[in-house]
Amino acid sequence: MVPILLVLLAAGTLMIMSHRQDDANERHENEALEQITRHAQSYEDDVQNEARNGYPSEDRTRAIAQRNHSRLISYGQSAQSLTTVVEFSATYEDTSFFGTSPSMAYRCYVFHFQPAKGGTGRTTLALQECNST
């Protein structure tokens, strides 16, 4: 009888620990995704500020992306618009029974800038996958 109770107690403890770790991992990942969202908004604002005097070059746009913890995947400019695909990433801590390890969260966005009344209009679209097209 006592061994059965000990096994049940150990199993219950492990289940509770696993649930807490899952909650912590989800919270850490959500914090990383919020950080990515802030970086994407900062990138968008920086490019829009540059676009007041004409759209930035590909090299300048790449530098803006790097400054915002991201990487420029594609760049397309015409006389009337600028479209970029940018991959953002953030590191977070993933916890398991065996310790912690760093994990990465990734998100890709398409940014489209075009002339609008009072400045530059912008549209942002989150992508499911990040392909250079």
N, C-alpha and C. Protein backbone atom coordinates (compact mmCIF):
# COMPACT_ATOMS: atom_id res chain seq x y z
N MET A 1 0.81 -1.19 0.00
CA MET A 1 0.00 0.00 0.00
C MET A 1 0.86 1.27 0.00
N VAL A 2 1.90 1.29 0.82
CA VAL A 2 2.78 2.46 0.90
C VAL A 2 3.50 2.70 -0.43
N PRO A 3 4.03 1.64 -1.10
CA PRO A 3 4.69 1.89 -2.40
C PRO A 3 3.75 2.49 -3.44
N ILE A 4 2.49 2.07 -3.42
CA ILE A 4 1.53 2.61 -4.38
C ILE A 4 1.30 4.10 -4.11
N LEU A 5 1.18 4.47 -2.84
CA LEU A 5 1.00 5.87 -2.49
C LEU A 5 2.21 6.70 -2.88
N LEU A 6 3.41 6.16 -2.69
CA LEU A 6 4.62 6.88 -3.07
C LEU A 6 4.69 7.09 -4.58
N VAL A 7 4.31 6.06 -5.33
CA VAL A 7 4.31 6.18 -6.80
C VAL A 7 3.29 7.23 -7.23
N LEU A 8 2.09 7.20 -6.64
CA LEU A 8 1.07 8.19 -6.98
C LEU A 8 1.51 9.60 -6.60
N LEU A 9 2.16 9.74 -5.44
CA LEU A 9 2.66 11.04 -5.01
C LEU A 9 3.73 11.56 -5.97
N ALA A 10 4.65 10.67 -6.36
CA ALA A 10 5.71 11.07 -7.30
C ALA A 10 5.11 11.45 -8.66
N ALA A 11 4.15 10.65 -9.14
CA ALA A 11 3.52 10.95 -10.43
C ALA A 11 2.78 12.28 -10.37
N GLY A 12 2.07 12.53 -9.29
CA GLY A 12 1.36 13.80 -9.14
C GLY A 12 2.31 14.98 -9.11
N THR A 13 3.42 14.82 -8.39
CA THR A 13 4.43 15.89 -8.32
C THR A 13 5.01 16.18 -9.69
N LEU A 14 5.32 15.12 -10.43
CA LEU A 14 5.87 15.31 -11.79
C LEU A 14 4.86 15.99 -12.71
N MET A 15 3.59 15.64 -12.57
CA MET A 15 2.57 16.27 -13.41
C MET A 15 2.44 17.76 -13.09
N ILE A 16 2.48 18.10 -11.82
CA ILE A 16 2.39 19.51 -11.42
C ILE A 16 3.61 20.28 -11.92
N MET A 17 4.80 19.69 -11.77
CA MET A 17 6.02 20.36 -12.25
C MET A 17 5.97 20.56 -13.76
N SER A 18 5.51 19.54 -14.47
CA SER A 18 5.42 19.64 -15.93
C SER A 18 4.45 20.76 -16.34
N HIS A 19 3.33 20.84 -15.65
CA HIS A 19 2.34 21.88 -15.96
C HIS A 19 2.93 23.27 -15.71
N ARG A 20 3.65 23.44 -14.61
CA ARG A 20 4.26 24.73 -14.30
C ARG A 20 5.33 25.09 -15.33
N GLN A 21 6.11 24.10 -15.75
CA GLN A 21 7.13 24.36 -16.77
C GLN A 21 6.50 24.76 -18.09
N ASP A 22 5.42 24.08 -18.46
CA ASP A 22 4.73 24.43 -19.70
C ASP A 22 4.19 25.85 -19.64
N ASP A 23 3.61 26.22 -18.49
CA ASP A 23 3.11 27.59 -18.32
C ASP A 23 4.24 28.61 -18.44
N ALA A 24 5.37 28.32 -17.79
CA ALA A 24 6.52 29.24 -17.84
C ALA A 24 7.06 29.35 -19.27
N ASN A 25 7.16 28.22 -19.97
CA ASN A 25 7.65 28.24 -21.35
C ASN A 25 6.72 29.04 -22.25
N GLU A 26 5.43 28.86 -22.06
CA GLU A 26 4.46 29.61 -22.87
C GLU A 26 4.57 31.11 -22.57
N ARG A 27 4.72 31.46 -21.31
CA ARG A 27 4.87 32.87 -20.92
C ARG A 27 6.14 33.46 -21.53
N HIS A 28 7.25 32.71 -21.47
CA HIS A 28 8.51 33.19 -22.05
C HIS A 28 8.40 33.36 -23.56
N GLU A 29 7.75 32.41 -24.23
CA GLU A 29 7.58 32.53 -25.68
C GLU A 29 6.71 33.74 -26.02
N ASN A 30 5.64 33.95 -25.26
CA ASN A 30 4.77 35.11 -25.51
C ASN A 30 5.52 36.42 -25.31
N GLU A 31 6.40 36.47 -24.31
CA GLU A 31 7.22 37.67 -24.10
C GLU A 31 8.15 37.90 -25.29
N ALA A 32 8.71 36.81 -25.84
CA ALA A 32 9.58 36.93 -27.02
C ALA A 32 8.77 37.43 -28.22
N LEU A 33 7.55 36.93 -28.38
CA LEU A 33 6.71 37.37 -29.50
C LEU A 33 6.30 38.84 -29.34
N GLU A 34 6.07 39.28 -28.11
CA GLU A 34 5.79 40.70 -27.88
C GLU A 34 7.01 41.56 -28.22
N GLN A 35 8.18 41.05 -27.91
CA GLN A 35 9.42 41.76 -28.26
C GLN A 35 9.54 41.87 -29.78
N ILE A 36 9.22 40.79 -30.50
CA ILE A 36 9.26 40.81 -31.96
C ILE A 36 8.28 41.86 -32.49
N THR A 37 7.10 41.93 -31.91
CA THR A 37 6.10 42.92 -32.34
C THR A 37 6.63 44.34 -32.16
N ARG A 38 7.29 44.59 -31.03
CA ARG A 38 7.88 45.92 -30.80
C ARG A 38 8.97 46.23 -31.83
N HIS A 39 9.81 45.23 -32.14
CA HIS A 39 10.86 45.44 -33.14
C HIS A 39 10.26 45.69 -34.52
N ALA A 40 9.19 44.98 -34.86
CA ALA A 40 8.54 45.17 -36.16
C ALA A 40 7.95 46.58 -36.26
N GLN A 41 7.33 47.05 -35.19
CA GLN A 41 6.77 48.40 -35.20
C GLN A 41 7.87 49.45 -35.30
N SER A 42 8.98 49.20 -34.63
CA SER A 42 10.11 50.14 -34.69
C SER A 42 10.70 50.17 -36.10
N TYR A 43 10.84 48.99 -36.73
CA TYR A 43 11.34 48.91 -38.10
C TYR A 43 10.42 49.70 -39.03
N GLU A 44 9.13 49.47 -38.89
CA GLU A 44 8.15 50.14 -39.74
C GLU A 44 8.23 51.66 -39.57
N ASP A 45 8.33 52.12 -38.34
CA ASP A 45 8.44 53.56 -38.08
C ASP A 45 9.74 54.13 -38.66
N ASP A 46 10.85 53.39 -38.50
CA ASP A 46 12.14 53.86 -39.01
C ASP A 46 12.12 53.99 -40.53
N VAL A 47 11.56 52.99 -41.21
CA VAL A 47 11.51 53.05 -42.68
C VAL A 47 10.58 54.17 -43.11
N GLN A 48 9.47 54.33 -42.43
CA GLN A 48 8.54 55.41 -42.80
C GLN A 48 9.20 56.77 -42.60
N ASN A 49 9.96 56.94 -41.54
CA ASN A 49 10.68 58.21 -41.33
C ASN A 49 11.69 58.46 -42.44
N GLU A 50 12.40 57.42 -42.86
CA GLU A 50 13.36 57.55 -43.96
C GLU A 50 12.65 57.88 -45.27
N ALA A 51 11.43 57.37 -45.44
CA ALA A 51 10.70 57.52 -46.70
C ALA A 51 10.21 58.95 -46.92
N ARG A 52 10.31 59.80 -45.93
CA ARG A 52 9.89 61.20 -46.12
C ARG A 52 10.70 61.88 -47.21
N ASN A 53 11.95 61.47 -47.35
CA ASN A 53 12.85 62.06 -48.35
C ASN A 53 13.11 61.09 -49.50
N GLY A 54 12.21 60.19 -49.75
CA GLY A 54 12.40 59.16 -50.77
C GLY A 54 12.67 57.83 -50.09
N TYR A 55 12.29 56.77 -50.74
CA TYR A 55 12.44 55.44 -50.13
C TYR A 55 13.91 55.12 -49.91
N PRO A 56 14.23 54.49 -48.78
CA PRO A 56 15.63 54.15 -48.52
C PRO A 56 16.12 53.07 -49.48
N SER A 57 17.42 53.07 -49.73
CA SER A 57 18.02 52.06 -50.60
C SER A 57 17.95 50.69 -49.92
N GLU A 58 18.28 49.67 -50.68
CA GLU A 58 18.27 48.32 -50.10
C GLU A 58 19.29 48.21 -48.97
N ASP A 59 20.47 48.77 -49.16
CA ASP A 59 21.49 48.73 -48.10
C ASP A 59 21.02 49.46 -46.85
N ARG A 60 20.41 50.62 -47.05
CA ARG A 60 19.93 51.39 -45.89
C ARG A 60 18.80 50.64 -45.19
N THR A 61 17.91 50.01 -45.97
CA THR A 61 16.81 49.24 -45.39
C THR A 61 17.35 48.03 -44.63
N ARG A 62 18.38 47.39 -45.16
CA ARG A 62 19.01 46.26 -44.47
C ARG A 62 19.60 46.72 -43.13
N ALA A 63 20.23 47.90 -43.12
CA ALA A 63 20.79 48.44 -41.88
C ALA A 63 19.69 48.73 -40.86
N ILE A 64 18.57 49.25 -41.33
CA ILE A 64 17.43 49.51 -40.43
C ILE A 64 16.93 48.19 -39.85
N ALA A 65 16.83 47.17 -40.69
CA ALA A 65 16.38 45.86 -40.22
C ALA A 65 17.33 45.30 -39.16
N GLN A 66 18.62 45.38 -39.42
CA GLN A 66 19.60 44.86 -38.47
C GLN A 66 19.54 45.61 -37.15
N ARG A 67 19.32 46.90 -37.22
CA ARG A 67 19.22 47.70 -36.00
C ARG A 67 18.02 47.27 -35.16
N ASN A 68 17.01 46.71 -35.82
CA ASN A 68 15.80 46.26 -35.13
C ASN A 68 15.76 44.74 -34.95
N HIS A 69 16.93 44.13 -34.83
CA HIS A 69 17.06 42.69 -34.53
C HIS A 69 16.32 41.82 -35.54
N SER A 70 16.55 42.10 -36.81
CA SER A 70 15.88 41.35 -37.86
C SER A 70 16.79 41.25 -39.07
N ARG A 71 16.27 40.55 -40.07
CA ARG A 71 17.05 40.39 -41.30
C ARG A 71 16.13 40.62 -42.49
N LEU A 72 16.64 41.40 -43.44
CA LEU A 72 15.90 41.72 -44.65
C LEU A 72 15.93 40.50 -45.57
N ILE A 73 14.76 39.99 -45.91
CA ILE A 73 14.65 38.81 -46.79
C ILE A 73 14.51 39.25 -48.24
N SER A 74 13.64 40.22 -48.49
CA SER A 74 13.51 40.72 -49.87
C SER A 74 13.17 42.20 -49.86
N TYR A 75 13.50 42.84 -50.97
CA TYR A 75 13.35 44.28 -51.12
C TYR A 75 12.86 44.54 -52.53
N GLY A 76 11.77 45.27 -52.64
CA GLY A 76 11.25 45.64 -53.96
C GLY A 76 10.80 47.08 -53.96
N GLN A 77 11.41 47.87 -54.83
CA GLN A 77 11.08 49.29 -54.89
C GLN A 77 10.65 49.65 -56.30
N SER A 78 9.59 50.45 -56.37
CA SER A 78 9.18 51.04 -57.64
C SER A 78 9.11 52.55 -57.42
N ALA A 79 8.69 53.26 -58.43
CA ALA A 79 8.60 54.72 -58.30
C ALA A 79 7.54 55.11 -57.26
N GLN A 80 6.54 54.26 -57.08
CA GLN A 80 5.43 54.60 -56.20
C GLN A 80 5.36 53.83 -54.89
N SER A 81 6.19 52.80 -54.71
CA SER A 81 6.05 52.01 -53.48
C SER A 81 7.35 51.29 -53.12
N LEU A 82 7.37 50.82 -51.90
CA LEU A 82 8.47 50.00 -51.39
C LEU A 82 7.84 48.83 -50.65
N THR A 83 8.27 47.62 -50.99
CA THR A 83 7.79 46.42 -50.31
C THR A 83 8.99 45.64 -49.81
N THR A 84 8.95 45.29 -48.52
CA THR A 84 10.04 44.50 -47.94
C THR A 84 9.45 43.32 -47.18
N VAL A 85 10.21 42.23 -47.16
CA VAL A 85 9.90 41.08 -46.31
C VAL A 85 11.04 40.99 -45.31
N VAL A 86 10.67 40.96 -44.03
CA VAL A 86 11.67 41.01 -42.96
C VAL A 86 11.38 39.90 -41.96
N GLU A 87 12.45 39.20 -41.56
CA GLU A 87 12.35 38.14 -40.55
C GLU A 87 12.86 38.68 -39.21
N PHE A 88 12.03 38.59 -38.19
CA PHE A 88 12.39 39.03 -36.84
C PHE A 88 12.57 37.80 -35.96
N SER A 89 13.47 37.90 -35.00
CA SER A 89 13.67 36.80 -34.07
C SER A 89 13.93 37.34 -32.67
N ALA A 90 13.63 36.50 -31.68
CA ALA A 90 13.91 36.83 -30.28
C ALA A 90 14.22 35.54 -29.55
N THR A 91 15.13 35.62 -28.61
CA THR A 91 15.54 34.47 -27.81
C THR A 91 14.74 34.43 -26.52
N TYR A 92 14.37 33.23 -26.11
CA TYR A 92 13.72 33.06 -24.81
C TYR A 92 14.23 31.78 -24.17
N GLU A 93 13.99 31.65 -22.87
CA GLU A 93 14.48 30.51 -22.10
C GLU A 93 13.42 29.42 -22.07
N ASP A 94 13.80 28.22 -22.48
CA ASP A 94 12.92 27.06 -22.49
C ASP A 94 13.34 26.14 -21.34
N THR A 95 12.40 25.80 -20.45
CA THR A 95 12.71 25.00 -19.27
C THR A 95 12.16 23.60 -19.42
N SER A 96 12.96 22.61 -19.00
CA SER A 96 12.52 21.22 -18.98
C SER A 96 13.00 20.59 -17.68
N PHE A 97 12.70 19.31 -17.50
CA PHE A 97 13.16 18.60 -16.30
C PHE A 97 14.68 18.56 -16.23
N PHE A 98 15.34 18.69 -17.35
CA PHE A 98 16.79 18.55 -17.42
C PHE A 98 17.52 19.89 -17.37
N GLY A 99 16.80 20.97 -17.20
CA GLY A 99 17.44 22.28 -17.13
C GLY A 99 16.81 23.26 -18.09
N THR A 100 17.55 24.29 -18.40
CA THR A 100 17.06 25.32 -19.32
C THR A 100 17.93 25.38 -20.56
N SER A 101 17.33 25.82 -21.63
CA SER A 101 18.08 25.99 -22.88
C SER A 101 17.48 27.17 -23.62
N PRO A 102 18.31 27.84 -24.42
CA PRO A 102 17.79 28.97 -25.19
C PRO A 102 16.97 28.47 -26.39
N SER A 103 15.88 29.14 -26.66
CA SER A 103 15.05 28.85 -27.83
C SER A 103 14.84 30.15 -28.59
N MET A 104 14.45 30.03 -29.84
CA MET A 104 14.23 31.21 -30.68
C MET A 104 12.78 31.23 -31.17
N ALA A 105 12.22 32.42 -31.18
CA ALA A 105 10.91 32.65 -31.80
C ALA A 105 11.16 33.47 -33.07
N TYR A 106 10.49 33.11 -34.15
CA TYR A 106 10.65 33.79 -35.44
C TYR A 106 9.30 34.25 -35.95
N ARG A 107 9.28 35.39 -36.58
CA ARG A 107 8.10 35.88 -37.28
C ARG A 107 8.56 36.67 -38.50
N CYS A 108 7.83 36.53 -39.59
CA CYS A 108 8.12 37.28 -40.80
C CYS A 108 6.95 38.20 -41.12
N TYR A 109 7.28 39.36 -41.64
CA TYR A 109 6.28 40.35 -42.00
C TYR A 109 6.59 40.91 -43.38
N VAL A 110 5.52 41.25 -44.10
CA VAL A 110 5.63 42.01 -45.34
C VAL A 110 5.23 43.44 -45.00
N PHE A 111 6.08 44.38 -45.37
CA PHE A 111 5.80 45.80 -45.16
C PHE A 111 5.66 46.45 -46.53
N HIS A 112 4.57 47.18 -46.73
CA HIS A 112 4.33 47.86 -48.01
C HIS A 112 4.12 49.34 -47.71
N PHE A 113 4.98 50.15 -48.29
CA PHE A 113 4.93 51.61 -48.10
C PHE A 113 4.57 52.25 -49.44
N GLN A 114 3.66 53.23 -49.40
CA GLN A 114 3.29 53.95 -50.62
C GLN A 114 2.84 55.35 -50.25
N PRO A 115 2.90 56.27 -51.22
CA PRO A 115 2.49 57.64 -50.93
C PRO A 115 1.03 57.70 -50.49
N ALA A 116 0.78 58.59 -49.53
CA ALA A 116 -0.59 58.79 -49.04
C ALA A 116 -0.72 60.26 -48.63
N LYS A 117 -1.94 60.68 -48.41
CA LYS A 117 -2.16 62.05 -47.96
C LYS A 117 -1.45 62.26 -46.63
N GLY A 118 -0.68 63.31 -46.55
CA GLY A 118 0.00 63.64 -45.31
C GLY A 118 1.25 62.83 -45.04
N GLY A 119 1.76 62.10 -46.02
CA GLY A 119 3.00 61.34 -45.79
C GLY A 119 3.00 60.02 -46.51
N THR A 120 3.57 59.03 -45.87
CA THR A 120 3.69 57.70 -46.47
C THR A 120 2.71 56.76 -45.79
N GLY A 121 1.88 56.09 -46.60
CA GLY A 121 0.98 55.08 -46.06
C GLY A 121 1.73 53.77 -45.91
N ARG A 122 1.25 52.93 -45.01
CA ARG A 122 1.94 51.66 -44.80
C ARG A 122 0.94 50.57 -44.48
N THR A 123 1.28 49.37 -44.92
CA THR A 123 0.49 48.18 -44.66
C THR A 123 1.44 47.10 -44.18
N THR A 124 1.05 46.37 -43.15
CA THR A 124 1.88 45.29 -42.62
C THR A 124 1.07 44.01 -42.61
N LEU A 125 1.70 42.92 -43.03
CA LEU A 125 1.04 41.62 -43.06
C LEU A 125 1.98 40.59 -42.46
N ALA A 126 1.50 39.85 -41.46
CA ALA A 126 2.30 38.76 -40.89
C ALA A 126 2.20 37.55 -41.80
N LEU A 127 3.32 36.86 -42.00
CA LEU A 127 3.37 35.68 -42.86
C LEU A 127 3.41 34.41 -42.03
N GLN A 128 2.84 33.33 -42.58
CA GLN A 128 2.93 32.03 -41.93
C GLN A 128 4.33 31.43 -42.08
N GLU A 129 4.92 31.62 -43.25
CA GLU A 129 6.27 31.13 -43.53
C GLU A 129 7.09 32.27 -44.10
N CYS A 130 8.39 32.17 -43.94
CA CYS A 130 9.27 33.22 -44.41
C CYS A 130 10.07 32.70 -45.60
N ASN A 131 9.61 33.00 -46.79
CA ASN A 131 10.31 32.58 -48.00
C ASN A 131 10.77 33.82 -48.75
N SER A 132 11.96 33.76 -49.29
CA SER A 132 12.43 34.88 -50.11
C SER A 132 11.88 34.69 -51.52
N THR A 133 10.92 35.54 -51.87
CA THR A 133 10.30 35.46 -53.19
C THR A 133 10.52 36.73 -53.96
